N, C-alpha and C. Protein backbone atom coordinates (compact mmCIF):
# COMPACT_ATOMS: atom_id res chain seq x y z
N MET A 1 0.85 -1.18 0.00
CA MET A 1 0.00 0.00 0.00
C MET A 1 0.90 1.24 0.00
N PRO A 2 0.62 2.24 -0.86
CA PRO A 2 1.48 3.41 -0.93
C PRO A 2 1.37 4.28 0.32
N GLU A 3 2.46 4.91 0.67
CA GLU A 3 2.46 5.83 1.81
C GLU A 3 1.89 7.17 1.36
N LEU A 4 1.19 7.86 2.26
CA LEU A 4 0.59 9.14 1.92
C LEU A 4 1.64 10.16 1.49
N GLN A 5 2.82 10.18 2.13
CA GLN A 5 3.80 11.18 1.77
C GLN A 5 4.37 10.96 0.37
N ASN A 6 4.22 9.78 -0.20
CA ASN A 6 4.72 9.50 -1.54
C ASN A 6 3.71 9.82 -2.64
N MET A 7 2.53 10.23 -2.24
CA MET A 7 1.49 10.52 -3.23
C MET A 7 1.70 11.90 -3.83
N PRO A 8 1.35 12.07 -5.11
CA PRO A 8 1.49 13.38 -5.73
C PRO A 8 0.56 14.40 -5.09
N ARG A 9 0.98 15.65 -5.09
CA ARG A 9 0.19 16.73 -4.50
C ARG A 9 -1.05 16.97 -5.35
N ALA A 10 -2.21 17.03 -4.73
CA ALA A 10 -3.47 17.27 -5.44
C ALA A 10 -3.78 18.75 -5.47
N GLN A 11 -4.49 19.17 -6.51
CA GLN A 11 -4.85 20.57 -6.64
C GLN A 11 -6.10 20.92 -5.85
N THR A 12 -7.03 20.00 -5.75
CA THR A 12 -8.26 20.25 -5.00
C THR A 12 -8.49 19.10 -4.05
N SER A 13 -9.37 19.33 -3.08
CA SER A 13 -9.68 18.25 -2.15
C SER A 13 -10.32 17.07 -2.87
N ALA A 14 -11.10 17.35 -3.92
CA ALA A 14 -11.72 16.27 -4.69
C ALA A 14 -10.65 15.42 -5.36
N GLU A 15 -9.62 16.05 -5.92
CA GLU A 15 -8.55 15.29 -6.55
C GLU A 15 -7.78 14.47 -5.52
N LEU A 16 -7.56 15.03 -4.34
CA LEU A 16 -6.88 14.28 -3.28
C LEU A 16 -7.67 13.04 -2.93
N ARG A 17 -8.97 13.20 -2.72
CA ARG A 17 -9.79 12.04 -2.38
C ARG A 17 -9.76 11.02 -3.50
N TYR A 18 -9.82 11.47 -4.76
CA TYR A 18 -9.78 10.54 -5.88
C TYR A 18 -8.45 9.78 -5.88
N GLU A 19 -7.34 10.50 -5.69
CA GLU A 19 -6.04 9.85 -5.70
C GLU A 19 -5.92 8.83 -4.58
N THR A 20 -6.45 9.13 -3.40
CA THR A 20 -6.34 8.18 -2.30
C THR A 20 -7.19 6.96 -2.56
N VAL A 21 -8.38 7.14 -3.11
CA VAL A 21 -9.24 5.99 -3.43
C VAL A 21 -8.59 5.16 -4.52
N ALA A 22 -8.08 5.81 -5.56
CA ALA A 22 -7.46 5.09 -6.67
C ALA A 22 -6.20 4.34 -6.23
N SER A 23 -5.59 4.79 -5.15
CA SER A 23 -4.36 4.17 -4.66
C SER A 23 -4.61 3.18 -3.52
N ASP A 24 -5.86 2.83 -3.28
CA ASP A 24 -6.22 1.90 -2.21
C ASP A 24 -5.81 2.40 -0.84
N VAL A 25 -5.83 3.69 -0.62
CA VAL A 25 -5.56 4.29 0.67
C VAL A 25 -6.87 4.83 1.20
N THR A 26 -7.20 4.49 2.42
CA THR A 26 -8.45 4.96 3.00
C THR A 26 -8.19 6.18 3.87
N VAL A 27 -8.93 7.24 3.59
CA VAL A 27 -8.84 8.46 4.39
C VAL A 27 -10.25 8.80 4.84
N ALA A 28 -10.43 8.97 6.13
CA ALA A 28 -11.75 9.29 6.65
C ALA A 28 -11.71 10.65 7.31
N GLY A 29 -12.83 11.31 7.33
CA GLY A 29 -12.88 12.61 7.98
C GLY A 29 -14.14 13.36 7.58
N ARG A 30 -14.23 14.56 8.08
CA ARG A 30 -15.37 15.39 7.76
C ARG A 30 -15.06 16.26 6.56
N SER A 31 -16.11 16.62 5.85
CA SER A 31 -15.93 17.56 4.75
C SER A 31 -17.11 18.52 4.74
N SER A 32 -16.86 19.68 4.18
CA SER A 32 -17.90 20.69 4.10
C SER A 32 -18.82 20.39 2.93
N ARG A 33 -19.92 21.10 2.85
CA ARG A 33 -20.81 20.94 1.71
C ARG A 33 -20.09 21.28 0.41
N LYS A 34 -19.25 22.32 0.47
CA LYS A 34 -18.50 22.71 -0.72
C LYS A 34 -17.57 21.58 -1.16
N GLU A 35 -16.86 20.96 -0.22
CA GLU A 35 -15.96 19.86 -0.56
C GLU A 35 -16.72 18.65 -1.08
N THR A 36 -17.88 18.39 -0.48
CA THR A 36 -18.70 17.28 -0.94
C THR A 36 -19.16 17.53 -2.38
N GLN A 37 -19.58 18.77 -2.66
CA GLN A 37 -20.01 19.09 -4.01
C GLN A 37 -18.85 19.00 -5.00
N GLU A 38 -17.66 19.44 -4.57
CA GLU A 38 -16.47 19.31 -5.41
C GLU A 38 -16.24 17.85 -5.78
N MET A 39 -16.36 16.98 -4.79
CA MET A 39 -16.13 15.56 -5.01
C MET A 39 -17.16 14.99 -5.98
N LEU A 40 -18.43 15.34 -5.78
CA LEU A 40 -19.48 14.85 -6.68
C LEU A 40 -19.27 15.36 -8.09
N ASP A 41 -18.90 16.63 -8.23
CA ASP A 41 -18.63 17.20 -9.56
C ASP A 41 -17.44 16.51 -10.21
N PHE A 42 -16.38 16.25 -9.43
CA PHE A 42 -15.20 15.57 -9.94
C PHE A 42 -15.56 14.17 -10.43
N CYS A 43 -16.34 13.46 -9.63
CA CYS A 43 -16.75 12.10 -10.01
C CYS A 43 -17.60 12.12 -11.27
N ALA A 44 -18.51 13.07 -11.36
CA ALA A 44 -19.36 13.17 -12.55
C ALA A 44 -18.51 13.48 -13.79
N GLU A 45 -17.56 14.38 -13.64
CA GLU A 45 -16.71 14.78 -14.76
C GLU A 45 -15.84 13.62 -15.26
N HIS A 46 -15.42 12.74 -14.34
CA HIS A 46 -14.52 11.64 -14.69
C HIS A 46 -15.23 10.29 -14.75
N ASN A 47 -16.56 10.32 -14.74
CA ASN A 47 -17.37 9.09 -14.84
C ASN A 47 -17.00 8.07 -13.77
N ILE A 48 -16.83 8.54 -12.55
CA ILE A 48 -16.53 7.66 -11.42
C ILE A 48 -17.85 7.36 -10.73
N THR A 49 -18.18 6.10 -10.62
CA THR A 49 -19.45 5.70 -10.02
C THR A 49 -19.21 4.70 -8.90
N ALA A 50 -20.24 4.48 -8.12
CA ALA A 50 -20.17 3.49 -7.03
C ALA A 50 -20.76 2.17 -7.52
N ASP A 51 -20.20 1.09 -7.03
CA ASP A 51 -20.77 -0.23 -7.30
C ASP A 51 -21.77 -0.53 -6.20
N VAL A 52 -23.02 -0.69 -6.59
CA VAL A 52 -24.08 -0.97 -5.62
C VAL A 52 -24.95 -2.09 -6.14
N GLU A 53 -25.62 -2.74 -5.24
CA GLU A 53 -26.64 -3.73 -5.59
C GLU A 53 -27.98 -3.13 -5.18
N VAL A 54 -28.81 -2.84 -6.16
CA VAL A 54 -30.11 -2.23 -5.88
C VAL A 54 -31.11 -3.34 -5.54
N ILE A 55 -31.78 -3.16 -4.40
CA ILE A 55 -32.76 -4.16 -3.97
C ILE A 55 -34.09 -3.48 -3.68
N PRO A 56 -35.19 -4.21 -3.87
CA PRO A 56 -36.49 -3.66 -3.46
C PRO A 56 -36.63 -3.78 -1.94
N ILE A 57 -37.42 -2.93 -1.36
CA ILE A 57 -37.62 -2.94 0.09
C ILE A 57 -38.12 -4.31 0.57
N GLN A 58 -38.82 -5.02 -0.29
CA GLN A 58 -39.35 -6.33 0.09
C GLN A 58 -38.24 -7.35 0.38
N LYS A 59 -37.02 -7.08 -0.09
CA LYS A 59 -35.91 -8.02 0.13
C LYS A 59 -34.94 -7.53 1.20
N ILE A 60 -35.39 -6.61 2.04
CA ILE A 60 -34.50 -6.04 3.06
C ILE A 60 -34.03 -7.09 4.06
N ASN A 61 -34.91 -8.00 4.45
CA ASN A 61 -34.52 -9.05 5.41
C ASN A 61 -33.50 -10.00 4.79
N GLU A 62 -33.70 -10.33 3.52
CA GLU A 62 -32.74 -11.18 2.81
C GLU A 62 -31.38 -10.47 2.71
N ALA A 63 -31.39 -9.18 2.45
CA ALA A 63 -30.14 -8.41 2.38
C ALA A 63 -29.44 -8.43 3.73
N TYR A 64 -30.19 -8.25 4.80
CA TYR A 64 -29.60 -8.27 6.14
C TYR A 64 -28.96 -9.63 6.44
N GLU A 65 -29.65 -10.70 6.08
CA GLU A 65 -29.10 -12.04 6.28
C GLU A 65 -27.81 -12.22 5.49
N ARG A 66 -27.77 -11.69 4.28
CA ARG A 66 -26.56 -11.77 3.47
C ARG A 66 -25.40 -11.02 4.12
N ILE A 67 -25.72 -9.88 4.73
CA ILE A 67 -24.68 -9.12 5.43
C ILE A 67 -24.11 -9.96 6.57
N LEU A 68 -24.99 -10.61 7.33
CA LEU A 68 -24.53 -11.45 8.44
C LEU A 68 -23.66 -12.61 7.97
N ARG A 69 -23.92 -13.12 6.75
CA ARG A 69 -23.14 -14.22 6.19
C ARG A 69 -21.90 -13.73 5.43
N SER A 70 -21.70 -12.42 5.38
CA SER A 70 -20.59 -11.83 4.59
C SER A 70 -20.71 -12.20 3.12
N ASP A 71 -21.94 -12.25 2.64
CA ASP A 71 -22.22 -12.60 1.25
C ASP A 71 -22.61 -11.35 0.46
N VAL A 72 -21.84 -10.29 0.63
CA VAL A 72 -22.16 -9.01 -0.02
C VAL A 72 -20.92 -8.52 -0.74
N LYS A 73 -21.04 -8.26 -2.03
CA LYS A 73 -19.91 -7.76 -2.81
C LYS A 73 -19.93 -6.23 -2.88
N TYR A 74 -21.14 -5.64 -2.98
CA TYR A 74 -21.29 -4.19 -3.10
C TYR A 74 -22.20 -3.69 -1.99
N ARG A 75 -22.28 -2.37 -1.87
CA ARG A 75 -23.24 -1.80 -0.92
C ARG A 75 -24.64 -2.01 -1.44
N PHE A 76 -25.56 -2.20 -0.52
CA PHE A 76 -26.96 -2.29 -0.91
C PHE A 76 -27.54 -0.89 -1.02
N SER A 77 -28.38 -0.71 -2.01
CA SER A 77 -29.12 0.53 -2.18
C SER A 77 -30.58 0.13 -2.38
N ILE A 78 -31.46 0.69 -1.57
CA ILE A 78 -32.88 0.32 -1.63
C ILE A 78 -33.58 1.14 -2.70
N ASP A 79 -34.26 0.47 -3.58
CA ASP A 79 -35.07 1.12 -4.61
C ASP A 79 -36.29 1.72 -3.93
N MET A 80 -36.29 3.03 -3.76
CA MET A 80 -37.36 3.70 -3.01
C MET A 80 -38.71 3.59 -3.70
N SER A 81 -38.73 3.37 -5.01
CA SER A 81 -40.02 3.20 -5.69
C SER A 81 -40.71 1.92 -5.26
N SER A 82 -39.95 0.98 -4.67
CA SER A 82 -40.57 -0.28 -4.22
C SER A 82 -41.37 -0.07 -2.93
N LEU A 83 -41.22 1.06 -2.26
CA LEU A 83 -41.99 1.32 -1.05
C LEU A 83 -43.49 1.35 -1.32
N SER A 84 -43.88 1.84 -2.48
CA SER A 84 -45.31 1.90 -2.81
C SER A 84 -45.88 0.50 -3.03
N ARG A 85 -45.04 -0.47 -3.30
CA ARG A 85 -45.48 -1.86 -3.52
C ARG A 85 -45.32 -2.71 -2.26
N ALA A 86 -44.91 -2.10 -1.15
CA ALA A 86 -44.54 -2.84 0.05
C ALA A 86 -45.72 -3.33 0.89
N ALA A 87 -46.92 -2.97 0.57
CA ALA A 87 -48.07 -3.32 1.41
C ALA A 87 -48.42 -4.77 1.38
């Protein structure tokens, strides 16, 4: 894993976050709304997307069981339109 001091200097906070993610370095912390928007704009400009598994709300219990079994490759994202079918 690369050391942070060996990484190239980034011009914006969004570029820094991109470089750390691309280099398999995890950096956690708080960011302002402006920094968050910078990051979203940077990702949109460079076609960087998240890998997610979209599930309907009806499968939430199955998703939870999969989490307990460590049978999850991506983050789960609930399809909110399935809420109207949840009755």
